[in-house]
Protein backbone atom coordinates (compact mmCIF):
# COMPACT_ATOMS: atom_id res chain seq x y z
CA MET A 1 -99.03 -60.10 10.66
CA SER A 2 -97.20 -63.11 9.28
CA LYS A 3 -98.30 -62.04 5.83
CA ASN A 4 -96.62 -58.66 6.30
CA ILE A 5 -93.35 -60.21 7.42
CA SER A 6 -93.19 -62.55 4.44
CA HIS A 7 -93.97 -59.68 2.13
CA ALA A 8 -91.04 -57.61 3.53
CA ILE A 9 -88.64 -60.53 3.12
CA ASN A 10 -89.63 -60.93 -0.52
CA GLN A 11 -89.05 -57.20 -1.17
CA GLU A 12 -85.52 -57.39 0.34
CA LYS A 13 -84.65 -60.33 -1.88
CA ASP A 14 -85.84 -58.46 -4.95
CA SER A 15 -83.72 -55.41 -4.11
CA SER A 16 -80.63 -57.57 -3.50
CA HIS A 17 -81.12 -59.20 -6.85
CA LYS A 18 -81.32 -55.78 -8.56
CA ILE A 19 -78.11 -54.50 -6.94
CA SER A 20 -76.15 -57.61 -7.80
CA SER A 21 -77.31 -57.38 -11.36
CA HIS A 22 -75.64 -53.93 -11.67
CA VAL A 23 -72.22 -55.08 -10.34
CA GLN A 24 -70.06 -56.59 -13.04
CA GLN A 25 -68.71 -59.84 -11.73
CA PRO A 26 -65.67 -61.51 -13.28
CA THR A 27 -66.87 -64.00 -15.86
CA THR A 28 -65.33 -67.36 -16.54
CA HIS A 29 -64.79 -68.46 -20.06
CA THR A 30 -64.06 -72.10 -20.88
CA ASP A 31 -62.59 -73.30 -24.11
CA LYS A 32 -64.58 -76.08 -25.58
CA GLY A 33 -61.52 -77.87 -26.89
CA SER A 34 -59.56 -77.78 -23.64
CA ALA A 35 -60.07 -78.13 -19.98
CA ARG A 36 -58.58 -74.62 -19.27
CA SER A 37 -60.79 -71.76 -18.23
CA TYR A 38 -60.04 -67.97 -18.28
CA VAL A 39 -61.17 -65.28 -15.82
CA LEU A 40 -61.99 -61.99 -17.52
CA VAL A 41 -60.91 -58.97 -15.36
CA ASN A 42 -62.40 -55.48 -15.60
CA PRO A 43 -59.84 -53.14 -17.44
CA THR A 44 -60.63 -50.11 -15.23
CA VAL A 45 -59.18 -51.89 -12.18
CA SER A 46 -55.88 -52.49 -14.01
CA GLU A 47 -55.63 -48.79 -14.99
CA GLU A 48 -56.07 -47.66 -11.42
CA ASN A 49 -53.29 -49.97 -10.25
CA SER A 50 -50.87 -48.63 -12.90
CA TYR A 51 -51.56 -45.03 -11.81
CA MET A 52 -50.81 -45.92 -8.22
CA ASP A 53 -47.56 -47.59 -9.20
CA MET A 54 -46.45 -44.54 -11.20
CA PHE A 55 -47.36 -42.23 -8.30
CA ASN A 56 -45.31 -44.31 -5.90
CA ILE A 57 -42.31 -44.03 -8.25
CA MET A 58 -42.60 -40.30 -9.06
CA ALA A 59 -43.48 -39.01 -5.59
CA PRO A 60 -39.95 -39.38 -4.09
CA ILE A 61 -38.34 -37.87 -7.20
CA VAL A 62 -40.65 -34.87 -7.19
CA THR A 63 -40.14 -34.44 -3.44
CA PHE A 64 -36.35 -34.49 -3.88
CA ILE A 65 -36.41 -31.95 -6.71
CA LEU A 66 -38.79 -29.70 -4.82
CA GLY A 67 -36.62 -29.84 -1.70
CA PHE A 68 -33.51 -29.03 -3.74
CA VAL A 69 -35.21 -26.04 -5.39
CA VAL A 70 -36.51 -24.70 -2.06
CA GLN A 71 -33.06 -25.08 -0.49
CA TRP A 72 -31.41 -23.31 -3.44
CA VAL A 73 -33.89 -20.43 -3.29
CA LEU A 74 -33.39 -19.99 0.46
CA SER A 75 -29.60 -20.15 0.05
CA TYR A 76 -29.72 -17.65 -2.82
CA PHE A 77 -31.64 -15.02 -0.90
CA SER A 78 -29.65 -15.66 2.28
CA ASN A 79 -26.41 -15.11 0.32
CA ARG A 80 -27.77 -11.91 -1.19
CA ARG A 81 -28.60 -10.56 2.26
CA ALA A 82 -25.12 -11.48 3.49
CA LEU A 83 -23.51 -9.72 0.52
CA LYS A 84 -25.60 -6.61 1.18
CA ARG A 85 -24.39 -6.56 4.79
CA TYR A 86 -20.78 -7.03 3.65
CA PHE A 87 -21.19 -4.25 1.08
CA ARG A 88 -22.50 -1.94 3.82
CA ARG A 89 -19.57 -2.84 6.08
CA TRP A 90 -17.08 -1.70 3.44
CA GLN A 91 -19.00 1.56 3.06
CA VAL A 92 -18.89 2.16 6.82
CA GLU A 93 -15.18 1.29 7.07
CA ILE A 94 -14.26 3.68 4.25
CA ALA A 95 -16.47 6.49 5.56
CA ALA A 96 -14.85 6.04 8.99
CA LEU A 97 -11.55 7.26 7.48
CA GLU A 98 -12.85 10.84 7.45
CA ASN A 99 -12.12 11.66 11.12
CA PRO A 100 -8.60 10.12 11.23
CA ILE A 101 -7.60 11.85 7.97
CA THR A 102 -8.98 15.20 9.20
CA ASN A 103 -7.20 14.84 12.54
CA GLN A 104 -3.97 13.80 10.81
CA ILE A 105 -4.02 16.90 8.59
CA LYS A 106 -4.60 19.14 11.63
CA SER A 107 -1.81 17.48 13.60
CA LEU A 108 0.72 17.75 10.77
CA GLU A 109 -0.14 21.39 10.07
CA GLU A 110 0.38 22.22 13.75
CA PHE A 111 3.69 20.38 13.65
CA ILE A 112 4.90 22.36 10.62
CA ALA A 113 3.93 25.63 12.31
CA SER A 114 6.02 24.70 15.37
CA GLN A 115 9.01 23.70 13.22
CA ASN A 116 9.17 26.99 11.36
CA SER A 117 10.80 28.66 14.35
CA GLU A 118 14.59 28.82 14.74
CA GLN A 119 14.47 27.00 18.05
CA TYR A 120 15.75 23.46 18.19
CA SER A 121 13.26 20.84 19.33
CA ILE A 122 12.88 17.12 18.91
CA PRO A 123 9.99 16.58 16.47
CA ASP A 124 7.08 14.60 17.81
CA PRO A 125 4.24 14.69 15.28
CA THR A 126 1.16 12.62 16.08
CA LEU A 127 0.57 9.88 13.51
CA TYR A 128 -2.91 8.35 13.69
CA THR A 129 -3.06 4.59 13.17
CA GLY A 130 -6.61 5.06 11.88
CA VAL A 131 -5.09 6.03 8.52
CA SER A 132 -2.70 3.08 8.42
CA GLY A 133 -5.23 0.83 6.62
CA ILE A 134 -4.94 -1.95 9.21
CA SER A 135 -8.72 -2.31 9.51
CA PHE A 136 -8.96 -3.31 5.83
CA GLN A 137 -6.34 -6.06 5.99
CA THR A 138 -8.76 -8.54 7.56
CA LEU A 139 -11.50 -7.99 4.96
CA ASP A 140 -11.97 -10.51 2.15
CA LYS A 141 -11.21 -8.87 -1.21
CA GLY A 142 -12.88 -11.67 -3.20
CA LYS A 143 -16.06 -11.40 -1.20
CA PHE A 144 -15.89 -7.63 -1.63
CA LEU A 145 -16.02 -8.10 -5.41
CA GLU A 146 -19.10 -10.30 -5.05
CA ALA A 147 -20.77 -7.73 -2.80
CA VAL A 148 -20.14 -4.90 -5.26
CA GLN A 149 -21.32 -7.03 -8.17
CA ASN A 150 -24.48 -7.88 -6.22
CA SER A 151 -25.21 -4.18 -5.64
CA ILE A 152 -24.98 -3.13 -9.30
CA SER A 153 -28.10 -2.94 -11.43
CA ALA A 154 -26.85 -3.91 -14.87
CA LYS A 155 -26.76 -6.77 -17.31
CA ARG A 156 -24.92 -9.84 -16.17
CA LYS A 157 -22.04 -9.35 -18.61
CA GLU A 158 -21.61 -5.70 -17.63
CA LYS A 159 -21.81 -6.34 -13.87
CA LEU A 160 -18.40 -7.96 -13.56
CA ALA A 161 -16.62 -5.23 -15.53
CA VAL A 162 -18.26 -2.44 -13.52
CA ALA A 163 -17.65 -4.27 -10.23
CA MET A 164 -13.97 -4.76 -11.11
CA GLU A 165 -13.64 -1.05 -11.84
CA VAL A 166 -15.22 -0.09 -8.50
CA CYS A 167 -13.12 -2.62 -6.55
CA ASN A 168 -9.84 -1.58 -8.17
CA SER A 169 -10.60 2.08 -7.54
CA THR A 170 -11.54 1.43 -3.91
CA LEU A 171 -8.58 -0.82 -3.14
CA GLY A 172 -6.25 1.63 -4.87
CA TYR A 173 -7.58 4.43 -2.66
CA ILE A 174 -7.01 2.38 0.49
CA GLU A 175 -3.51 1.48 -0.69
CA ILE A 176 -2.66 5.18 -1.11
CA VAL A 177 -3.97 5.97 2.38
CA SER A 178 -1.85 3.25 3.97
CA THR A 179 1.20 4.12 1.83
CA VAL A 180 1.12 7.80 2.85
CA TYR A 181 1.03 6.73 6.49
CA SER A 182 3.81 4.13 6.19
CA ASP A 183 6.04 6.50 4.17
CA LEU A 184 5.60 9.28 6.71
CA ARG A 185 6.29 6.87 9.57
CA LYS A 186 9.51 5.73 7.85
CA LYS A 187 10.60 9.32 7.18
CA LEU A 188 10.03 10.19 10.83
CA ASP A 189 12.03 7.16 12.01
CA ASP A 190 14.86 8.01 9.59
CA PHE A 191 14.86 11.62 10.74
CA LEU A 192 14.99 10.71 14.42
CA GLU A 193 17.76 8.18 13.82
CA ASN A 194 19.89 10.52 11.71
CA SER A 195 19.32 13.48 14.00
CA SER A 196 20.23 11.36 17.00
CA ASP A 197 23.52 10.33 15.36
CA PHE A 198 24.39 13.94 14.52
CA PHE A 199 23.43 15.09 18.01
CA LYS A 200 25.65 12.45 19.64
CA GLN A 201 28.58 13.60 17.52
CA PHE A 202 27.76 17.21 18.33
CA ASN A 203 27.86 16.50 22.08
CA GLU A 204 31.22 14.77 21.73
CA ASP A 205 32.72 17.70 19.79
CA TYR A 206 31.14 20.17 22.21
CA ARG A 207 32.84 18.41 25.12
CA GLN A 208 36.17 18.64 23.27
CA VAL A 209 35.64 22.39 22.73
CA ILE A 210 35.33 22.93 26.48
CA LEU A 211 38.44 20.80 27.16
CA HIS A 212 40.47 22.60 24.49
CA HIS A 213 39.62 25.96 26.04
CA ARG A 214 41.36 24.85 29.21
CA GLU A 215 44.33 23.35 27.33
CA LEU A 216 44.73 26.57 25.32
CA GLY A 217 44.79 28.59 28.54
CA VAL A 218 47.52 26.34 29.94
CA GLU A 219 49.61 26.68 26.75
CA ILE A 220 49.36 30.50 26.75
CA GLU A 221 50.15 30.63 30.43
CA LYS A 222 53.31 28.57 29.88
CA LYS A 223 54.47 30.93 27.15
CA HIS A 224 53.49 34.29 28.66
CA GLY A 225 53.17 33.62 32.40
CA SER A 226 49.47 34.48 32.30
CA ALA A 227 46.74 33.25 30.01
CA PHE A 228 44.97 36.61 30.22
CA SER A 229 47.96 38.46 28.80
CA ASP A 230 46.49 37.65 25.38
CA GLN A 231 43.42 39.80 24.70
CA ALA A 232 41.98 37.26 22.25
CA PHE A 233 42.07 34.52 24.87
CA LYS A 234 40.57 36.93 27.38
CA ASP A 235 37.62 37.49 25.03
CA LEU A 236 37.34 33.74 24.51
CA ASN A 237 37.32 33.14 28.26
CA GLU A 238 34.53 35.68 28.79
CA LEU A 239 32.46 34.01 26.04
CA MET A 240 33.00 30.59 27.59
CA HIS A 241 32.05 31.95 31.01
CA VAL A 242 28.71 33.23 29.66
CA TYR A 243 27.71 29.78 28.48
CA HIS A 244 29.69 27.47 30.79
CA GLY A 245 30.42 29.43 33.93
CA PRO A 246 29.54 28.22 37.42
CA GLY A 247 25.78 28.10 38.00
CA ILE A 248 25.01 28.61 34.31
CA GLU A 249 22.39 26.20 32.99
CA PRO A 250 23.46 24.52 29.73
CA VAL A 251 21.79 25.85 26.63
CA THR A 252 19.65 23.19 24.92
CA ASP A 253 18.79 25.24 21.87
CA ILE A 254 21.73 24.28 19.67
CA PHE A 255 20.46 26.41 16.77
CA SER A 256 20.94 29.57 18.82
CA LEU A 257 24.38 28.37 19.93
CA GLU A 258 25.47 28.14 16.30
CA LYS A 259 25.39 31.93 15.87
CA THR A 260 25.96 33.26 19.37
CA PHE A 261 28.69 30.88 20.51
CA PHE A 262 30.35 28.59 17.93
CA LYS A 263 30.74 31.15 15.14
CA ALA A 264 31.96 33.70 17.69
CA VAL A 265 34.55 31.17 18.91
CA ASP A 266 35.63 30.65 15.29
CA LEU A 267 36.39 34.36 14.91
CA ILE A 268 38.40 34.46 18.14
CA LEU A 269 40.40 31.32 17.29
CA ALA A 270 41.49 32.95 14.05
CA GLN A 271 43.47 35.37 16.24
CA LEU A 272 45.01 32.52 18.29
CA ARG A 273 46.16 30.31 15.47
CA GLN A 274 49.82 30.61 16.51
CA TYR A 275 49.21 28.23 19.40
CA ASP A 276 49.42 24.47 18.85
CA THR A 277 46.18 23.72 20.72
CA CYS A 278 44.27 26.12 18.51
CA ARG A 279 44.22 23.79 15.50
CA SER A 280 42.45 20.90 17.27
CA PHE A 281 40.27 23.44 19.09
CA TYR A 282 39.15 24.89 15.77
CA GLU A 283 38.42 21.45 14.23
CA HIS A 284 36.10 20.41 17.04
CA ASN A 285 34.39 23.80 17.15
CA HIS A 286 33.81 23.72 13.42
CA ALA A 287 32.52 20.12 13.70
CA CYS A 288 29.86 21.39 16.13
CA ILE A 289 28.73 23.93 13.53
CA THR A 290 28.66 21.24 10.83
CA ASN A 291 26.58 18.85 12.95
CA ILE A 292 24.09 21.61 13.74
CA GLN A 293 23.74 22.29 10.03
CA TYR A 294 23.20 18.58 9.38
CA ILE A 295 20.46 18.47 12.02
CA ARG A 296 18.87 21.57 10.53
CA GLU A 297 18.94 20.00 7.06
CA GLU A 298 17.42 16.77 8.36
CA ARG A 299 14.57 18.81 9.84
CA ARG A 300 14.07 20.68 6.57
CA ILE A 301 13.87 17.41 4.62
CA PHE A 302 11.42 15.89 7.07
CA ASN A 303 9.23 19.02 7.00
CA HIS A 304 9.19 18.74 3.21
CA HIS A 305 7.85 15.17 3.46
CA VAL A 306 5.26 16.30 6.01
CA ASN A 307 4.01 18.98 3.61
CA ILE A 308 3.73 16.37 0.84
CA ALA A 309 1.72 14.13 3.19
CA ILE A 310 -0.62 17.02 4.06
CA ARG A 311 -1.34 17.68 0.37
CA LYS A 312 -2.01 13.97 -0.26
CA TYR A 313 -4.31 13.68 2.76
CA LYS A 314 -6.31 16.71 1.63
CA GLN A 315 -6.75 15.17 -1.81
CA LEU A 316 -7.80 11.84 -0.25
CA LEU A 317 -10.33 13.67 1.90
CA GLU A 318 -11.89 15.27 -1.18
CA GLU A 319 -12.27 11.88 -2.86
CA LEU A 320 -13.58 10.07 0.21
CA ASP A 321 -17.33 10.54 -0.38
CA GLN A 322 -17.12 9.17 -3.92
CA VAL A 323 -15.06 6.16 -2.83
CA ALA A 324 -17.30 5.43 0.19
CA SER A 325 -20.37 5.27 -2.07
CA LEU A 326 -18.80 2.24 -3.85
CA SER A 327 -20.47 3.31 -7.05
CA PRO A 328 -18.97 3.68 -10.54
CA LYS A 329 -17.44 7.04 -11.39
CA MET A 330 -19.59 9.12 -13.68
């Protein structure tokens, strides 16, 4: 058994000697003329170290560039999605003008129909704020240009020109919508203000007409003992009694008063011009007629502006679908 153990030990030594013979050990070289010695290193080990050093240098740079590119790509596509949503918002806002414009046309046409009668009434047309353009004032026009440019399939150089054309056309349309509303609102305010001034003056002159009727009666009575001795004054008194007698409700339709009362009073006063009171009486009565005519003219002018607004709104309604598409005109 001892022979077997010694044999195994000898085999292990032989194998260790073979393995060590295959591993290249650093060799020492000594110069014969000097006491210095040199250790020769394997060149493959030096190459591996240089690769590791280069990797350690390049890895952070590559990581930084890759992170920047990934961030740019994510930002690019996120911005495109945001622009698409903004583009869609403009489309929805413009398309939403259809109902207010339609309702505004209907309201104004009903108003004109009511104003064609000869009865006096204070105009009260409904003006929809939905066509005032307020909803577009908060939207970013610069971002709108980007959104339109992003939606156009064209060469880069052509995109900006086409986008500018679409934006200018769209913003011009919105400006017209808001201008029609603001102009009509101003015309209505001017009409109400002017009509109110004329109506106040009319009421003052009307009050003077009633007072002068009494003063004229007193003057005739002083001259003839009885005011009713003059047939013309008697006719005037009967006319005044119809409109201003006890228990008579005042007439609010001043247009009807123009023909049935004030012009009739004018004709009667022509027969009473010999009395001193008649001159002032006539001036105030004629002033009432003049103020009524001014009010009637103010209404005619305002109705004219309403008809212009109706025509413009109808034209805007026809163009709405093309504008809401936010696409170039063919």
